[in-house]
């Protein structure tokens, strides 16, 4: 009997050790892959700046590395990315927050259990479908009501991208609002506050850090989106803030150059790594900011 018990315990320890080894190996592989990606990105970016001075990259607004007259002003691509992302956030932020308020404060448990999975299905639709929807449905519709709207523009992909981001915003915000302590709401009701007053004065301030972090995460997700902007925004790197004009984002440019027609180690090839490093830096800043906000603790204002 004692021998069987000892064998069982030994087998359990071996099982635990095996699982621990597998988990450590998985974590090590993910770290090694990340380090490898960063190594390639950084080394190729340095190769780019050995041929192009940083001043031509950071202090110019014309981006024409694929033309005969080559200029490398990254701000045309950065403003294009930020323009589409801003339109997406203007669309996603109010819709996502209002959806989370409804699900957490007004919907019954049955409706909440039905609507929330359906809403999250928006995140599962392939982005290429969103891109063709923006190009073939949204853009022609907007051209009927907005004068001088180009066939490729920043407005329609931004709007469609905003709908794609609604689940990202609503899911995080709704979870935070749903976990608002009951005693805080009851205290507001006991003071004579109505439902909407309680939501805006108690629930939203309590979930404020999560809401802000959700918006930063959605922004980082939007600025790295590829297919929607590559299909519907165009491939013209305009330095403009006019959403009616065609633009090119950083991700769309990377797709354009990565099609296989550009010789490796050429300056045109190296530009994708410089653009990728810029995009990585921006997304890293937004993700880091969201994590800092999530770690912070906001008190409910009175």
C-alpha atoms as a PDB file:
ATOM      1  CA  UNK A   1       0.000   0.000   0.000  1.00  0.00           C
ATOM      2  CA  UNK A   2       2.795   2.405   0.930  1.00  0.00           C
ATOM      3  CA  UNK A   3       4.641   1.492  -2.250  1.00  0.00           C
ATOM      4  CA  UNK A   4       1.588   2.287  -4.373  1.00  0.00           C
ATOM      5  CA  UNK A   5       1.126   5.643  -2.623  1.00  0.00           C
ATOM      6  CA  UNK A   6       4.790   6.538  -3.117  1.00  0.00           C
ATOM      7  CA  UNK A   7       4.584   5.599  -6.797  1.00  0.00           C
ATOM      8  CA  UNK A   8       1.471   7.717  -7.232  1.00  0.00           C
ATOM      9  CA  UNK A   9       3.115  10.725  -5.615  1.00  0.00           C
ATOM     10  CA  UNK A  10       6.221  10.244  -7.727  1.00  0.00           C
ATOM     11  CA  UNK A  11       4.094  10.103 -10.868  1.00  0.00           C
ATOM     12  CA  UNK A  12       2.271  13.280  -9.816  1.00  0.00           C
ATOM     13  CA  UNK A  13       5.568  15.087  -9.237  1.00  0.00           C
ATOM     14  CA  UNK A  14       6.817  13.989 -12.641  1.00  0.00           C
ATOM     15  CA  UNK A  15       3.603  15.208 -14.241  1.00  0.00           C
ATOM     16  CA  UNK A  16       3.855  18.590 -12.515  1.00  0.00           C
ATOM     17  CA  UNK A  17       7.526  18.881 -13.508  1.00  0.00           C
ATOM     18  CA  UNK A  18       6.682  18.025 -17.133  1.00  0.00           C
ATOM     19  CA  UNK A  19       3.903  20.603 -17.300  1.00  0.00           C
ATOM     20  CA  UNK A  20       6.171  23.226 -15.704  1.00  0.00           C
ATOM     21  CA  UNK A  21       8.899  22.461 -18.249  1.00  0.00           C
ATOM     22  CA  UNK A  22       6.453  22.800 -21.153  1.00  0.00           C
ATOM     23  CA  UNK A  23       5.164  26.124 -19.817  1.00  0.00           C
ATOM     24  CA  UNK A  24       8.697  27.454 -19.339  1.00  0.00           C
ATOM     25  CA  UNK A  25       9.634  26.372 -22.858  1.00  0.00           C
ATOM     26  CA  UNK A  26       6.558  28.080 -24.284  1.00  0.00           C
ATOM     27  CA  UNK A  27       7.401  31.306 -22.457  1.00  0.00           C
ATOM     28  CA  UNK A  28      11.027  31.091 -23.610  1.00  0.00           C
ATOM     29  CA  UNK A  29       9.993  30.554 -27.244  1.00  0.00           C
ATOM     30  CA  UNK A  30       7.722  33.618 -27.194  1.00  0.00           C
ATOM     31  CA  UNK A  31      10.525  35.716 -25.703  1.00  0.00           C
ATOM     32  CA  UNK A  32      13.044  34.443 -28.260  1.00  0.00           C
ATOM     33  CA  UNK A  33      10.673  35.191 -31.138  1.00  0.00           C
ATOM     34  CA  UNK A  34      10.120  38.729 -29.821  1.00  0.00           C
ATOM     35  CA  UNK A  35      13.865  39.274 -29.426  1.00  0.00           C
ATOM     36  CA  UNK A  36      14.452  37.957 -32.956  1.00  0.00           C
ATOM     37  CA  UNK A  37      11.859  40.284 -34.444  1.00  0.00           C
ATOM     38  CA  UNK A  38      13.300  43.263 -32.602  1.00  0.00           C
ATOM     39  CA  UNK A  39      16.831  42.333 -33.662  1.00  0.00           C
ATOM     40  CA  UNK A  40      15.910  42.203 -37.354  1.00  0.00           C
ATOM     41  CA  UNK A  41      13.845  45.380 -37.096  1.00  0.00           C
ATOM     42  CA  UNK A  42      16.560  47.356 -35.326  1.00  0.00           C
ATOM     43  CA  UNK A  43      19.476  46.160 -37.486  1.00  0.00           C
ATOM     44  CA  UNK A  44      17.637  46.831 -40.746  1.00  0.00           C
ATOM     45  CA  UNK A  45      16.559  50.231 -39.480  1.00  0.00           C
ATOM     46  CA  UNK A  46      20.192  51.101 -38.741  1.00  0.00           C
ATOM     47  CA  UNK A  47      21.081  49.975 -42.262  1.00  0.00           C
ATOM     48  CA  UNK A  48      18.455  52.392 -43.564  1.00  0.00           C
ATOM     49  CA  UNK A  49      19.799  55.324 -41.558  1.00  0.00           C
ATOM     50  CA  UNK A  50      23.332  54.595 -42.754  1.00  0.00           C
ATOM     51  CA  UNK A  51      22.149  55.612 -46.221  1.00  0.00           C
ATOM     52  CA  UNK A  52      19.493  58.200 -45.351  1.00  0.00           C
ATOM     53  CA  UNK A  53      20.177  60.926 -42.775  1.00  0.00           C
ATOM     54  CA  UNK A  54      17.660  61.090 -39.902  1.00  0.00           C
ATOM     55  CA  UNK A  55      16.872  64.699 -40.802  1.00  0.00           C
ATOM     56  CA  UNK A  56      15.496  63.568 -44.187  1.00  0.00           C
ATOM     57  CA  UNK A  57      13.308  61.047 -42.390  1.00  0.00           C
ATOM     58  CA  UNK A  58      11.984  63.081 -39.464  1.00  0.00           C
ATOM     59  CA  UNK A  59      11.918  66.629 -40.881  1.00  0.00           C
ATOM     60  CA  UNK A  60      10.301  66.143 -44.278  1.00  0.00           C
ATOM     61  CA  UNK A  61       6.650  65.753 -45.237  1.00  0.00           C
ATOM     62  CA  UNK A  62       7.050  64.152 -48.682  1.00  0.00           C
ATOM     63  CA  UNK A  63       7.265  60.360 -48.958  1.00  0.00           C
ATOM     64  CA  UNK A  64       8.318  59.140 -52.428  1.00  0.00           C
ATOM     65  CA  UNK A  65      10.920  56.347 -51.979  1.00  0.00           C
ATOM     66  CA  UNK A  66       9.436  54.395 -54.914  1.00  0.00           C
ATOM     67  CA  UNK A  67       9.662  57.336 -57.311  1.00  0.00           C
ATOM     68  CA  UNK A  68      12.621  58.509 -59.391  1.00  0.00           C
ATOM     69  CA  UNK A  69      12.987  61.549 -57.145  1.00  0.00           C
ATOM     70  CA  UNK A  70      13.252  59.898 -53.745  1.00  0.00           C
ATOM     71  CA  UNK A  71      12.214  61.630 -50.542  1.00  0.00           C
ATOM     72  CA  UNK A  72      11.745  59.979 -47.187  1.00  0.00           C
ATOM     73  CA  UNK A  73       9.548  62.221 -45.032  1.00  0.00           C
ATOM     74  CA  UNK A  74       7.779  59.777 -42.712  1.00  0.00           C
ATOM     75  CA  UNK A  75       5.210  62.351 -41.586  1.00  0.00           C
ATOM     76  CA  UNK A  76       3.041  61.741 -44.655  1.00  0.00           C
ATOM     77  CA  UNK A  77       2.512  58.143 -43.533  1.00  0.00           C
ATOM     78  CA  UNK A  78       2.225  59.032 -39.843  1.00  0.00           C
ATOM     79  CA  UNK A  79      -0.451  61.656 -40.442  1.00  0.00           C
ATOM     80  CA  UNK A  80      -2.328  59.240 -42.702  1.00  0.00           C
ATOM     81  CA  UNK A  81      -2.314  56.579 -40.001  1.00  0.00           C
ATOM     82  CA  UNK A  82      -3.319  59.022 -37.270  1.00  0.00           C
ATOM     83  CA  UNK A  83      -6.063  60.521 -39.445  1.00  0.00           C
ATOM     84  CA  UNK A  84      -7.772  57.182 -40.083  1.00  0.00           C
ATOM     85  CA  UNK A  85      -7.252  56.124 -36.473  1.00  0.00           C
ATOM     86  CA  UNK A  86      -8.782  59.351 -35.171  1.00  0.00           C
ATOM     87  CA  UNK A  87     -11.900  58.846 -37.295  1.00  0.00           C
ATOM     88  CA  UNK A  88     -12.101  55.267 -36.013  1.00  0.00           C
ATOM     89  CA  UNK A  89     -11.837  56.371 -32.377  1.00  0.00           C
ATOM     90  CA  UNK A  90     -14.453  59.112 -32.845  1.00  0.00           C
ATOM     91  CA  UNK A  91     -16.742  56.338 -34.070  1.00  0.00           C
ATOM     92  CA  UNK A  92     -15.787  53.572 -31.652  1.00  0.00           C
ATOM     93  CA  UNK A  93     -15.485  55.493 -28.365  1.00  0.00           C
ATOM     94  CA  UNK A  94     -19.091  56.737 -27.967  1.00  0.00           C
ATOM     95  CA  UNK A  95     -20.633  53.589 -29.469  1.00  0.00           C
ATOM     96  CA  UNK A  96     -18.511  51.274 -27.319  1.00  0.00           C
ATOM     97  CA  UNK A  97     -19.085  53.207 -24.093  1.00  0.00           C
ATOM     98  CA  UNK A  98     -22.842  53.512 -24.689  1.00  0.00           C
ATOM     99  CA  UNK A  99     -23.049  49.788 -25.476  1.00  0.00           C
ATOM    100  CA  UNK A 100     -21.194  48.976 -22.265  1.00  0.00           C
ATOM    101  CA  UNK A 101     -23.522  51.239 -20.243  1.00  0.00           C
ATOM    102  CA  UNK A 102     -26.561  49.481 -21.681  1.00  0.00           C
ATOM    103  CA  UNK A 103     -25.183  45.997 -21.072  1.00  0.00           C
ATOM    104  CA  UNK A 104     -24.047  46.681 -17.515  1.00  0.00           C
ATOM    105  CA  UNK A 105     -26.871  48.913 -16.240  1.00  0.00           C
ATOM    106  CA  UNK A 106     -30.016  48.385 -18.303  1.00  0.00           C
ATOM    107  CA  UNK A 107     -29.956  44.957 -19.966  1.00  0.00           C
ATOM    108  CA  UNK A 108     -31.393  41.954 -18.141  1.00  0.00           C
ATOM    109  CA  UNK A 109     -29.052  38.982 -17.545  1.00  0.00           C
ATOM    110  CA  UNK A 110     -30.729  37.113 -20.406  1.00  0.00           C
ATOM    111  CA  UNK A 111     -30.384  39.994 -22.854  1.00  0.00           C
ATOM    112  CA  UNK A 112     -26.826  40.633 -21.683  1.00  0.00           C
ATOM    113  CA  UNK A 113     -25.877  37.016 -22.265  1.00  0.00           C
ATOM    114  CA  UNK A 114     -27.331  37.201 -25.773  1.00  0.00           C
ATOM    115  CA  UNK A 115     -26.192  40.631 -26.934  1.00  0.00           C
ATOM    116  CA  UNK A 116     -22.615  40.565 -25.621  1.00  0.00           C
ATOM    117  CA  UNK A 117     -21.501  37.509 -27.671  1.00  0.00           C
ATOM    118  CA  UNK A 118     -23.242  38.925 -30.748  1.00  0.00           C
ATOM    119  CA  UNK A 119     -21.441  42.234 -30.276  1.00  0.00           C
ATOM    120  CA  UNK A 120     -18.110  40.486 -29.900  1.00  0.00           C
ATOM    121  CA  UNK A 121     -18.700  38.717 -33.227  1.00  0.00           C
ATOM    122  CA  UNK A 122     -17.765  42.020 -34.895  1.00  0.00           C
ATOM    123  CA  UNK A 123     -14.181  41.399 -33.803  1.00  0.00           C
ATOM    124  CA  UNK A 124     -14.199  38.025 -35.562  1.00  0.00           C
ATOM    125  CA  UNK A 125     -15.087  39.316 -39.019  1.00  0.00           C
ATOM    126  CA  UNK A 126     -12.015  39.263 -41.319  1.00  0.00           C
ATOM    127  CA  UNK A 127     -10.640  42.738 -41.839  1.00  0.00           C
ATOM    128  CA  UNK A 128     -10.540  42.221 -45.610  1.00  0.00           C
ATOM    129  CA  UNK A 129     -14.343  41.998 -45.470  1.00  0.00           C
ATOM    130  CA  UNK A 130     -14.448  45.306 -43.620  1.00  0.00           C
ATOM    131  CA  UNK A 131     -12.165  46.803 -46.259  1.00  0.00           C
ATOM    132  CA  UNK A 132     -14.336  45.811 -49.209  1.00  0.00           C
ATOM    133  CA  UNK A 133     -17.440  46.891 -47.288  1.00  0.00           C
ATOM    134  CA  UNK A 134     -15.874  50.335 -46.804  1.00  0.00           C
ATOM    135  CA  UNK A 135     -14.851  50.569 -50.465  1.00  0.00           C
ATOM    136  CA  UNK A 136     -18.022  49.248 -52.128  1.00  0.00           C
ATOM    137  CA  UNK A 137     -20.792  50.248 -49.697  1.00  0.00           C
ATOM    138  CA  UNK A 138     -19.737  53.025 -47.328  1.00  0.00           C
ATOM    139  CA  UNK A 139     -17.713  55.165 -49.743  1.00  0.00           C
ATOM    140  CA  UNK A 140     -20.403  55.307 -52.496  1.00  0.00           C
ATOM    141  CA  UNK A 141     -22.988  56.155 -49.842  1.00  0.00           C
ATOM    142  CA  UNK A 142     -20.880  58.943 -48.386  1.00  0.00           C
ATOM    143  CA  UNK A 143     -20.115  60.355 -51.856  1.00  0.00           C
ATOM    144  CA  UNK A 144     -23.818  61.126 -52.238  1.00  0.00           C
ATOM    145  CA  UNK A 145     -23.874  63.372 -49.161  1.00  0.00           C
ATOM    146  CA  UNK A 146     -20.288  64.677 -48.822  1.00  0.00           C
ATOM    147  CA  UNK A 147     -19.019  66.891 -51.663  1.00  0.00           C
ATOM    148  CA  UNK A 148     -15.581  66.330 -53.167  1.00  0.00           C
ATOM    149  CA  UNK A 149     -15.170  62.974 -51.430  1.00  0.00           C
ATOM    150  CA  UNK A 150     -12.562  60.911 -53.255  1.00  0.00           C
ATOM    151  CA  UNK A 151     -13.148  57.278 -54.154  1.00  0.00           C
ATOM    152  CA  UNK A 152     -10.259  56.455 -51.834  1.00  0.00           C
ATOM    153  CA  UNK A 153     -10.350  58.485 -48.626  1.00  0.00           C
ATOM    154  CA  UNK A 154      -9.650  58.399 -44.917  1.00  0.00           C
ATOM    155  CA  UNK A 155     -13.273  58.806 -43.803  1.00  0.00           C
ATOM    156  CA  UNK A 156     -14.960  55.575 -44.874  1.00  0.00           C
ATOM    157  CA  UNK A 157     -12.230  53.163 -43.690  1.00  0.00           C
ATOM    158  CA  UNK A 158     -12.047  55.114 -40.436  1.00  0.00           C
ATOM    159  CA  UNK A 159     -15.781  54.749 -39.840  1.00  0.00           C
ATOM    160  CA  UNK A 160     -15.774  51.038 -40.674  1.00  0.00           C
ATOM    161  CA  UNK A 161     -12.710  50.492 -38.509  1.00  0.00           C
ATOM    162  CA  UNK A 162     -14.553  52.227 -35.683  1.00  0.00           C
ATOM    163  CA  UNK A 163     -17.337  49.644 -35.855  1.00  0.00           C
ATOM    164  CA  UNK A 164     -14.697  46.926 -35.799  1.00  0.00           C
ATOM    165  CA  UNK A 165     -13.257  48.416 -32.586  1.00  0.00           C
ATOM    166  CA  UNK A 166     -16.593  48.644 -30.764  1.00  0.00           C
ATOM    167  CA  UNK A 167     -16.208  45.156 -29.178  1.00  0.00           C
ATOM    168  CA  UNK A 168     -12.723  46.041 -27.927  1.00  0.00           C
ATOM    169  CA  UNK A 169     -14.010  49.152 -26.160  1.00  0.00           C
ATOM    170  CA  UNK A 170     -17.366  47.803 -24.963  1.00  0.00           C
ATOM    171  CA  UNK A 171     -16.057  44.503 -23.589  1.00  0.00           C
ATOM    172  CA  UNK A 172     -13.429  46.067 -21.330  1.00  0.00           C
ATOM    173  CA  UNK A 173     -15.648  48.958 -20.250  1.00  0.00           C
ATOM    174  CA  UNK A 174     -18.663  46.745 -19.596  1.00  0.00           C
ATOM    175  CA  UNK A 175     -16.698  44.389 -17.352  1.00  0.00           C
ATOM    176  CA  UNK A 176     -15.424  47.316 -15.287  1.00  0.00           C
ATOM    177  CA  UNK A 177     -18.870  48.940 -14.997  1.00  0.00           C
ATOM    178  CA  UNK A 178     -20.539  45.635 -14.099  1.00  0.00           C
ATOM    179  CA  UNK A 179     -18.118  45.204 -11.182  1.00  0.00           C
ATOM    180  CA  UNK A 180     -18.976  48.570  -9.629  1.00  0.00           C
ATOM    181  CA  UNK A 181     -19.655  47.828  -5.920  1.00  0.00           C
ATOM    182  CA  UNK A 182     -23.350  47.678  -5.125  1.00  0.00           C
ATOM    183  CA  UNK A 183     -22.961  49.833  -2.018  1.00  0.00           C
ATOM    184  CA  UNK A 184     -21.743  52.773  -4.133  1.00  0.00           C
ATOM    185  CA  UNK A 185     -24.885  52.663  -6.254  1.00  0.00           C
ATOM    186  CA  UNK A 186     -27.141  52.234  -3.219  1.00  0.00           C
ATOM    187  CA  UNK A 187     -25.479  55.193  -1.538  1.00  0.00           C
ATOM    188  CA  UNK A 188     -26.218  57.333  -4.601  1.00  0.00           C
ATOM    189  CA  UNK A 189     -29.842  56.158  -4.713  1.00  0.00           C
ATOM    190  CA  UNK A 190     -30.252  56.862  -0.996  1.00  0.00           C
ATOM    191  CA  UNK A 191     -29.180  60.454  -1.646  1.00  0.00           C
ATOM    192  CA  UNK A 192     -31.921  60.830  -4.239  1.00  0.00           C
ATOM    193  CA  UNK A 193     -29.868  60.246  -7.403  1.00  0.00           C
ATOM    194  CA  UNK A 194     -31.672  58.815 -10.407  1.00  0.00           C
ATOM    195  CA  UNK A 195     -30.442  56.050 -12.690  1.00  0.00           C
ATOM    196  CA  UNK A 196     -28.623  58.279 -15.169  1.00  0.00           C
ATOM    197  CA  UNK A 197     -27.128  60.438 -12.425  1.00  0.00           C
ATOM    198  CA  UNK A 198     -25.782  57.329 -10.711  1.00  0.00           C
ATOM    199  CA  UNK A 199     -24.265  56.098 -13.967  1.00  0.00           C
ATOM    200  CA  UNK A 200     -22.494  59.376 -14.756  1.00  0.00           C
ATOM    201  CA  UNK A 201     -21.499  60.294 -11.181  1.00  0.00           C
ATOM    202  CA  UNK A 202     -20.657  56.869  -9.726  1.00  0.00           C
ATOM    203  CA  UNK A 203     -20.321  54.076 -12.284  1.00  0.00           C
ATOM    204  CA  UNK A 204     -18.319  55.905 -14.948  1.00  0.00           C
ATOM    205  CA  UNK A 205     -15.877  57.514 -12.465  1.00  0.00           C
ATOM    206  CA  UNK A 206     -15.352  54.120 -10.818  1.00  0.00           C
ATOM    207  CA  UNK A 207     -14.506  52.520 -14.189  1.00  0.00           C
ATOM    208  CA  UNK A 208     -12.607  55.562 -15.447  1.00  0.00           C
ATOM    209  CA  UNK A 209      -9.140  53.991 -15.528  1.00  0.00           C
ATOM    210  CA  UNK A 210     -10.373  50.920 -17.418  1.00  0.00           C
ATOM    211  CA  UNK A 211     -12.302  53.068 -19.905  1.00  0.00           C
ATOM    212  CA  UNK A 212      -9.244  55.199 -20.658  1.00  0.00           C
ATOM    213  CA  UNK A 213      -7.056  52.104 -20.966  1.00  0.00           C
ATOM    214  CA  UNK A 214      -9.608  50.497 -23.322  1.00  0.00           C
ATOM    215  CA  UNK A 215      -9.497  53.573 -25.550  1.00  0.00           C
ATOM    216  CA  UNK A 216      -5.692  53.485 -25.655  1.00  0.00           C
ATOM    217  CA  UNK A 217      -5.739  49.781 -26.532  1.00  0.00           C
ATOM    218  CA  UNK A 218      -8.302  50.398 -29.273  1.00  0.00           C
ATOM    219  CA  UNK A 219      -6.151  53.250 -30.617  1.00  0.00           C
ATOM    220  CA  UNK A 220      -3.100  50.989 -30.722  1.00  0.00           C
ATOM    221  CA  UNK A 221      -5.167  48.311 -32.464  1.00  0.00           C
ATOM    222  CA  UNK A 222      -6.453  50.799 -35.039  1.00  0.00           C
ATOM    223  CA  UNK A 223      -3.102  52.328 -35.912  1.00  0.00           C
ATOM    224  CA  UNK A 224      -1.755  48.874 -36.744  1.00  0.00           C
ATOM    225  CA  UNK A 225      -4.712  47.854 -38.931  1.00  0.00           C
ATOM    226  CA  UNK A 226      -3.697  46.868 -42.456  1.00  0.00           C
ATOM    227  CA  UNK A 227      -6.323  45.466 -44.797  1.00  0.00           C
ATOM    228  CA  UNK A 228      -9.085  48.034 -44.291  1.00  0.00           C
ATOM    229  CA  UNK A 229      -6.827  50.988 -45.079  1.00  0.00           C
ATOM    230  CA  UNK A 230      -4.934  49.160 -47.827  1.00  0.00           C
ATOM    231  CA  UNK A 231      -8.208  48.508 -49.658  1.00  0.00           C
ATOM    232  CA  UNK A 232     -10.274  51.640 -48.983  1.00  0.00           C
ATOM    233  CA  UNK A 233      -7.881  54.478 -48.044  1.00  0.00           C
ATOM    234  CA  UNK A 234      -5.671  54.443 -51.106  1.00  0.00           C
ATOM    235  CA  UNK A 235      -1.912  54.351 -51.673  1.00  0.00           C
ATOM    236  CA  UNK A 236      -1.192  58.070 -52.000  1.00  0.00           C
ATOM    237  CA  UNK A 237       0.949  59.421 -49.134  1.00  0.00           C
ATOM    238  CA  UNK A 238      -0.642  62.852 -48.737  1.00  0.00           C
ATOM    239  CA  UNK A 239       0.395  65.098 -45.885  1.00  0.00           C
ATOM    240  CA  UNK A 240      -3.135  66.269 -45.138  1.00  0.00           C
ATOM    241  CA  UNK A 241      -5.786  66.436 -42.432  1.00  0.00           C
ATOM    242  CA  UNK A 242      -8.660  66.343 -44.928  1.00  0.00           C
ATOM    243  CA  UNK A 243     -10.520  63.055 -44.436  1.00  0.00           C
ATOM    244  CA  UNK A 244     -11.996  63.341 -47.934  1.00  0.00           C
ATOM    245  CA  UNK A 245      -8.622  62.889 -49.599  1.00  0.00           C
ATOM    246  CA  UNK A 246      -6.803  59.614 -50.373  1.00  0.00           C
ATOM    247  CA  UNK A 247      -3.997  58.828 -47.962  1.00  0.00           C
ATOM    248  CA  UNK A 248      -1.543  56.046 -47.242  1.00  0.00           C
ATOM    249  CA  UNK A 249      -0.888  54.583 -43.815  1.00  0.00           C
ATOM    250  CA  UNK A 250       2.300  53.022 -42.525  1.00  0.00           C
ATOM    251  CA  UNK A 251       0.837  49.521 -42.672  1.00  0.00           C
ATOM    252  CA  UNK A 252      -0.466  49.999 -46.222  1.00  0.00           C
ATOM    253  CA  UNK A 253       2.976  51.111 -47.380  1.00  0.00           C
ATOM    254  CA  UNK A 254       4.576  48.032 -45.818  1.00  0.00           C
ATOM    255  CA  UNK A 255       2.101  45.845 -47.710  1.00  0.00           C
ATOM    256  CA  UNK A 256       2.806  47.690 -50.955  1.00  0.00           C
ATOM    257  CA  UNK A 257       6.585  47.224 -50.760  1.00  0.00           C
ATOM    258  CA  UNK A 258       6.369  43.655 -49.441  1.00  0.00           C
ATOM    259  CA  UNK A 259       4.586  42.360 -52.560  1.00  0.00           C
ATOM    260  CA  UNK A 260       7.902  40.990 -53.869  1.00  0.00           C
ATOM    261  CA  UNK A 261       8.861  43.439 -56.633  1.00  0.00           C
ATOM    262  CA  UNK A 262      11.410  45.374 -54.553  1.00  0.00           C
ATOM    263  CA  UNK A 263      15.015  44.058 -54.556  1.00  0.00           C
ATOM    264  CA  UNK A 264      16.275  43.043 -51.138  1.00  0.00           C
ATOM    265  CA  UNK A 265      18.804  45.289 -49.400  1.00  0.00           C
ATOM    266  CA  UNK A 266      17.848  48.182 -51.679  1.00  0.00           C
ATOM    267  CA  UNK A 267      16.920  51.470 -50.058  1.00  0.00           C
ATOM    268  CA  UNK A 268      13.286  50.895 -51.034  1.00  0.00           C
ATOM    269  CA  UNK A 269      13.381  47.532 -49.257  1.00  0.00           C
ATOM    270  CA  UNK A 270      14.960  49.015 -46.139  1.00  0.00           C
ATOM    271  CA  UNK A 271      12.247  51.661 -45.866  1.00  0.00           C
ATOM    272  CA  UNK A 272       9.733  49.052 -44.676  1.00  0.00           C
ATOM    273  CA  UNK A 273      11.884  48.392 -41.626  1.00  0.00           C
ATOM    274  CA  UNK A 274      12.206  52.104 -40.843  1.00  0.00           C
ATOM    275  CA  UNK A 275       8.436  52.467 -41.184  1.00  0.00           C
ATOM    276  CA  UNK A 276       7.901  49.297 -39.159  1.00  0.00           C
ATOM    277  CA  UNK A 277      10.146  50.598 -36.378  1.00  0.00           C
ATOM    278  CA  UNK A 278       8.145  53.844 -36.291  1.00  0.00           C
ATOM    279  CA  UNK A 279       4.894  51.898 -36.110  1.00  0.00           C
ATOM    280  CA  UNK A 280       6.294  49.630 -33.399  1.00  0.00           C
ATOM    281  CA  UNK A 281       7.364  52.639 -31.344  1.00  0.00           C
ATOM    282  CA  UNK A 282       3.896  54.217 -31.584  1.00  0.00           C
ATOM    283  CA  UNK A 283       2.044  51.035 -30.634  1.00  0.00           C
ATOM    284  CA  UNK A 284       4.508  50.392 -27.795  1.00  0.00           C
ATOM    285  CA  UNK A 285       3.828  53.852 -26.404  1.00  0.00           C
ATOM    286  CA  UNK A 286       0.053  53.350 -26.513  1.00  0.00           C
ATOM    287  CA  UNK A 287       0.183  49.856 -24.984  1.00  0.00           C
ATOM    288  CA  UNK A 288       2.533  51.010 -22.232  1.00  0.00           C
ATOM    289  CA  UNK A 289       0.309  53.988 -21.481  1.00  0.00           C
ATOM    290  CA  UNK A 290      -2.759  51.761 -21.199  1.00  0.00           C
ATOM    291  CA  UNK A 291      -0.980  49.425 -18.769  1.00  0.00           C
ATOM    292  CA  UNK A 292       0.167  52.352 -16.634  1.00  0.00           C
ATOM    293  CA  UNK A 293      -3.401  53.641 -16.511  1.00  0.00           C
ATOM    294  CA  UNK A 294      -4.749  50.199 -15.599  1.00  0.00           C
ATOM    295  CA  UNK A 295      -2.300  49.970 -12.705  1.00  0.00           C
ATOM    296  CA  UNK A 296      -3.311  53.371 -11.404  1.00  0.00           C
ATOM    297  CA  UNK A 297      -6.133  53.800  -8.927  1.00  0.00           C
ATOM    298  CA  UNK A 298      -8.711  56.534  -9.371  1.00  0.00           C
ATOM    299  CA  UNK A 299     -11.042  57.451  -6.581  1.00  0.00           C
ATOM    300  CA  UNK A 300     -14.699  58.209  -7.175  1.00  0.00           C
ATOM    301  CA  UNK A 301     -15.240  61.959  -7.261  1.00  0.00           C
ATOM    302  CA  UNK A 302     -17.912  63.429  -5.062  1.00  0.00           C
END
